[in-house]
Amino acid sequence: MPLAREAKEAIHRLNQVSQGVETSNAKLQDALGALQHAGHNIQMTTEAVRAVFGSRLIPMAGVVAGVRAGVKLLWKTVRERRKVS
């Protein structure tokens, strides 16, 4: 009868493993659903930004970045000249 007992224990362990896999699968499905929802929100936000700003957004961002870099360089130059004087 030890063989029957071992078989019964093996079946019990397999059931436990199966339940663990099922639980993990459910958690994974929930996580993937949340990621899909977040991706959809990002897509909708991107579309809204494009609708509001159109194709001017990227050039506008480039101009702002260029002006910021220019102001930093100008301020750095002015400070260095003040130190020399």
N, C-alpha and C. Protein backbone atom coordinates (compact mmCIF):
# COMPACT_ATOMS: atom_id res chain seq x y z
N MET A 1 0.78 -1.21 0.00
CA MET A 1 0.00 0.00 0.00
C MET A 1 0.83 1.29 0.00
N PRO A 2 2.15 1.21 0.24
CA PRO A 2 2.93 2.45 0.19
C PRO A 2 2.89 3.08 -1.20
N LEU A 3 2.78 2.28 -2.23
CA LEU A 3 2.73 2.82 -3.58
C LEU A 3 1.45 3.63 -3.80
N ALA A 4 0.35 3.15 -3.28
CA ALA A 4 -0.93 3.87 -3.41
C ALA A 4 -0.87 5.19 -2.64
N ARG A 5 -0.26 5.16 -1.46
CA ARG A 5 -0.13 6.37 -0.65
C ARG A 5 0.74 7.41 -1.38
N GLU A 6 1.85 6.96 -1.96
CA GLU A 6 2.74 7.87 -2.70
C GLU A 6 2.03 8.45 -3.92
N ALA A 7 1.26 7.62 -4.59
CA ALA A 7 0.51 8.11 -5.75
C ALA A 7 -0.52 9.15 -5.32
N LYS A 8 -1.18 8.90 -4.18
CA LYS A 8 -2.16 9.84 -3.66
C LYS A 8 -1.50 11.17 -3.29
N GLU A 9 -0.33 11.11 -2.66
CA GLU A 9 0.41 12.33 -2.30
C GLU A 9 0.86 13.07 -3.56
N ALA A 10 1.30 12.34 -4.56
CA ALA A 10 1.72 12.97 -5.81
C ALA A 10 0.55 13.68 -6.48
N ILE A 11 -0.60 13.05 -6.48
CA ILE A 11 -1.80 13.68 -7.06
C ILE A 11 -2.17 14.93 -6.27
N HIS A 12 -2.08 14.84 -4.95
CA HIS A 12 -2.38 16.00 -4.10
C HIS A 12 -1.43 17.15 -4.40
N ARG A 13 -0.15 16.85 -4.55
CA ARG A 13 0.85 17.89 -4.87
C ARG A 13 0.59 18.49 -6.25
N LEU A 14 0.23 17.64 -7.21
CA LEU A 14 -0.09 18.15 -8.54
C LEU A 14 -1.30 19.08 -8.51
N ASN A 15 -2.28 18.74 -7.70
CA ASN A 15 -3.45 19.62 -7.55
C ASN A 15 -3.04 20.97 -6.96
N GLN A 16 -2.17 20.95 -5.96
CA GLN A 16 -1.69 22.18 -5.35
C GLN A 16 -0.93 23.03 -6.37
N VAL A 17 -0.06 22.38 -7.13
CA VAL A 17 0.70 23.09 -8.15
C VAL A 17 -0.25 23.68 -9.20
N SER A 18 -1.23 22.90 -9.59
CA SER A 18 -2.21 23.36 -10.57
C SER A 18 -2.97 24.58 -10.06
N GLN A 19 -3.37 24.56 -8.79
CA GLN A 19 -4.07 25.70 -8.21
C GLN A 19 -3.15 26.92 -8.14
N GLY A 20 -1.87 26.70 -7.82
CA GLY A 20 -0.91 27.81 -7.79
C GLY A 20 -0.73 28.42 -9.16
N VAL A 21 -0.66 27.57 -10.18
CA VAL A 21 -0.53 28.07 -11.55
C VAL A 21 -1.77 28.85 -11.95
N GLU A 22 -2.92 28.36 -11.57
CA GLU A 22 -4.17 29.05 -11.90
C GLU A 22 -4.22 30.43 -11.23
N THR A 23 -3.81 30.49 -9.97
CA THR A 23 -3.78 31.77 -9.25
C THR A 23 -2.78 32.73 -9.90
N SER A 24 -1.60 32.22 -10.23
CA SER A 24 -0.59 33.05 -10.87
C SER A 24 -1.07 33.54 -12.23
N ASN A 25 -1.75 32.67 -12.97
CA ASN A 25 -2.26 33.05 -14.27
C ASN A 25 -3.30 34.16 -14.16
N ALA A 26 -4.16 34.07 -13.14
CA ALA A 26 -5.16 35.11 -12.93
C ALA A 26 -4.49 36.44 -12.60
N LYS A 27 -3.46 36.41 -11.76
CA LYS A 27 -2.73 37.64 -11.41
C LYS A 27 -2.05 38.21 -12.64
N LEU A 28 -1.46 37.34 -13.46
CA LEU A 28 -0.80 37.80 -14.68
C LEU A 28 -1.81 38.43 -15.64
N GLN A 29 -2.97 37.81 -15.77
CA GLN A 29 -4.02 38.36 -16.63
C GLN A 29 -4.45 39.74 -16.13
N ASP A 30 -4.59 39.91 -14.83
CA ASP A 30 -4.95 41.21 -14.26
C ASP A 30 -3.87 42.25 -14.56
N ALA A 31 -2.62 41.86 -14.40
CA ALA A 31 -1.51 42.79 -14.67
C ALA A 31 -1.48 43.17 -16.14
N LEU A 32 -1.67 42.20 -17.03
CA LEU A 32 -1.68 42.51 -18.45
C LEU A 32 -2.86 43.40 -18.83
N GLY A 33 -3.99 43.18 -18.19
CA GLY A 33 -5.15 44.04 -18.41
C GLY A 33 -4.87 45.47 -17.98
N ALA A 34 -4.20 45.62 -16.85
CA ALA A 34 -3.86 46.96 -16.37
C ALA A 34 -2.88 47.64 -17.32
N LEU A 35 -1.90 46.88 -17.82
CA LEU A 35 -0.96 47.45 -18.79
C LEU A 35 -1.67 47.86 -20.08
N GLN A 36 -2.60 47.04 -20.52
CA GLN A 36 -3.35 47.38 -21.72
C GLN A 36 -4.17 48.65 -21.50
N HIS A 37 -4.77 48.77 -20.34
CA HIS A 37 -5.55 49.97 -20.02
C HIS A 37 -4.65 51.21 -19.97
N ALA A 38 -3.48 51.07 -19.37
CA ALA A 38 -2.54 52.19 -19.31
C ALA A 38 -2.08 52.58 -20.72
N GLY A 39 -1.81 51.59 -21.56
CA GLY A 39 -1.42 51.88 -22.93
C GLY A 39 -2.52 52.61 -23.69
N HIS A 40 -3.75 52.20 -23.45
CA HIS A 40 -4.88 52.88 -24.09
C HIS A 40 -4.98 54.32 -23.62
N ASN A 41 -4.78 54.55 -22.32
CA ASN A 41 -4.82 55.92 -21.78
C ASN A 41 -3.73 56.78 -22.40
N ILE A 42 -2.52 56.21 -22.54
CA ILE A 42 -1.42 56.96 -23.16
C ILE A 42 -1.75 57.28 -24.60
N GLN A 43 -2.31 56.33 -25.32
CA GLN A 43 -2.68 56.56 -26.71
C GLN A 43 -3.73 57.67 -26.82
N MET A 44 -4.72 57.64 -25.96
CA MET A 44 -5.77 58.68 -26.00
C MET A 44 -5.19 60.05 -25.66
N THR A 45 -4.29 60.10 -24.67
CA THR A 45 -3.66 61.36 -24.31
C THR A 45 -2.82 61.90 -25.45
N THR A 46 -2.06 61.02 -26.10
CA THR A 46 -1.24 61.43 -27.24
C THR A 46 -2.10 61.99 -28.36
N GLU A 47 -3.21 61.32 -28.63
CA GLU A 47 -4.11 61.80 -29.67
C GLU A 47 -4.70 63.16 -29.30
N ALA A 48 -5.03 63.35 -28.02
CA ALA A 48 -5.58 64.63 -27.58
C ALA A 48 -4.54 65.74 -27.73
N VAL A 49 -3.29 65.46 -27.35
CA VAL A 49 -2.23 66.46 -27.48
C VAL A 49 -2.01 66.81 -28.94
N ARG A 50 -2.01 65.80 -29.80
CA ARG A 50 -1.83 66.06 -31.24
C ARG A 50 -2.99 66.88 -31.79
N ALA A 51 -4.20 66.62 -31.30
CA ALA A 51 -5.36 67.37 -31.77
C ALA A 51 -5.29 68.83 -31.35
N VAL A 52 -4.77 69.08 -30.14
CA VAL A 52 -4.70 70.46 -29.64
C VAL A 52 -3.54 71.22 -30.27
N PHE A 53 -2.37 70.60 -30.28
CA PHE A 53 -1.19 71.31 -30.75
C PHE A 53 -0.85 71.03 -32.21
N GLY A 54 -1.35 69.94 -32.72
CA GLY A 54 -1.09 69.60 -34.11
C GLY A 54 0.39 69.34 -34.34
N SER A 55 0.84 69.65 -35.52
CA SER A 55 2.23 69.38 -35.89
C SER A 55 3.18 70.45 -35.37
N ARG A 56 2.66 71.45 -34.67
CA ARG A 56 3.51 72.52 -34.16
C ARG A 56 4.19 72.16 -32.86
N LEU A 57 3.77 71.07 -32.23
CA LEU A 57 4.30 70.73 -30.91
C LEU A 57 5.79 70.43 -30.94
N ILE A 58 6.24 69.60 -31.86
CA ILE A 58 7.65 69.23 -31.90
C ILE A 58 8.53 70.42 -32.24
N PRO A 59 8.23 71.21 -33.28
CA PRO A 59 9.05 72.40 -33.53
C PRO A 59 9.02 73.39 -32.36
N MET A 60 7.85 73.51 -31.71
CA MET A 60 7.73 74.42 -30.57
C MET A 60 8.63 73.94 -29.43
N ALA A 61 8.65 72.65 -29.19
CA ALA A 61 9.50 72.09 -28.13
C ALA A 61 10.98 72.31 -28.47
N GLY A 62 11.33 72.19 -29.74
CA GLY A 62 12.70 72.43 -30.17
C GLY A 62 13.12 73.87 -29.95
N VAL A 63 12.22 74.79 -30.24
CA VAL A 63 12.52 76.21 -30.04
C VAL A 63 12.70 76.50 -28.56
N VAL A 64 11.82 75.96 -27.73
CA VAL A 64 11.92 76.18 -26.28
C VAL A 64 13.23 75.62 -25.75
N ALA A 65 13.62 74.44 -26.20
CA ALA A 65 14.88 73.84 -25.75
C ALA A 65 16.07 74.67 -26.22
N GLY A 66 16.00 75.17 -27.45
CA GLY A 66 17.08 76.01 -27.96
C GLY A 66 17.21 77.32 -27.20
N VAL A 67 16.09 77.94 -26.91
CA VAL A 67 16.11 79.20 -26.15
C VAL A 67 16.66 78.95 -24.75
N ARG A 68 16.25 77.85 -24.14
CA ARG A 68 16.74 77.53 -22.79
C ARG A 68 18.26 77.34 -22.81
N ALA A 69 18.75 76.60 -23.79
CA ALA A 69 20.20 76.37 -23.88
C ALA A 69 20.93 77.67 -24.15
N GLY A 70 20.35 78.53 -24.99
CA GLY A 70 20.97 79.82 -25.28
C GLY A 70 21.04 80.71 -24.05
N VAL A 71 19.97 80.72 -23.28
CA VAL A 71 19.95 81.54 -22.05
C VAL A 71 20.98 81.03 -21.06
N LYS A 72 21.10 79.71 -20.92
CA LYS A 72 22.11 79.15 -20.01
C LYS A 72 23.52 79.54 -20.45
N LEU A 73 23.79 79.45 -21.74
CA LEU A 73 25.11 79.80 -22.26
C LEU A 73 25.38 81.29 -22.05
N LEU A 74 24.39 82.11 -22.32
CA LEU A 74 24.55 83.56 -22.13
C LEU A 74 24.81 83.88 -20.66
N TRP A 75 24.05 83.28 -19.76
CA TRP A 75 24.22 83.54 -18.33
C TRP A 75 25.59 83.07 -17.85
N LYS A 76 26.04 81.92 -18.35
CA LYS A 76 27.35 81.42 -17.99
C LYS A 76 28.44 82.38 -18.47
N THR A 77 28.31 82.89 -19.69
CA THR A 77 29.29 83.84 -20.24
C THR A 77 29.31 85.13 -19.42
N VAL A 78 28.14 85.63 -19.05
CA VAL A 78 28.07 86.86 -18.26
C VAL A 78 28.72 86.65 -16.90
N ARG A 79 28.46 85.53 -16.26
CA ARG A 79 29.07 85.27 -14.95
C ARG A 79 30.58 85.16 -15.05
N GLU A 80 31.08 84.52 -16.09
CA GLU A 80 32.53 84.40 -16.26
C GLU A 80 33.17 85.76 -16.49
N ARG A 81 32.54 86.61 -17.26
CA ARG A 81 33.08 87.96 -17.50
C ARG A 81 33.07 88.80 -16.22
N ARG A 82 32.05 88.59 -15.38
CA ARG A 82 32.01 89.33 -14.12
C ARG A 82 33.15 88.90 -13.20
N LYS A 83 33.47 87.61 -13.21
CA LYS A 83 34.56 87.12 -12.38
C LYS A 83 35.90 87.68 -12.83
N VAL A 84 36.10 87.83 -14.13
CA VAL A 84 37.35 88.34 -14.68
C VAL A 84 37.51 89.81 -14.32
N SER A 85 36.42 90.56 -14.35
CA SER A 85 36.50 92.00 -14.11
C SER A 85 36.88 92.36 -12.73
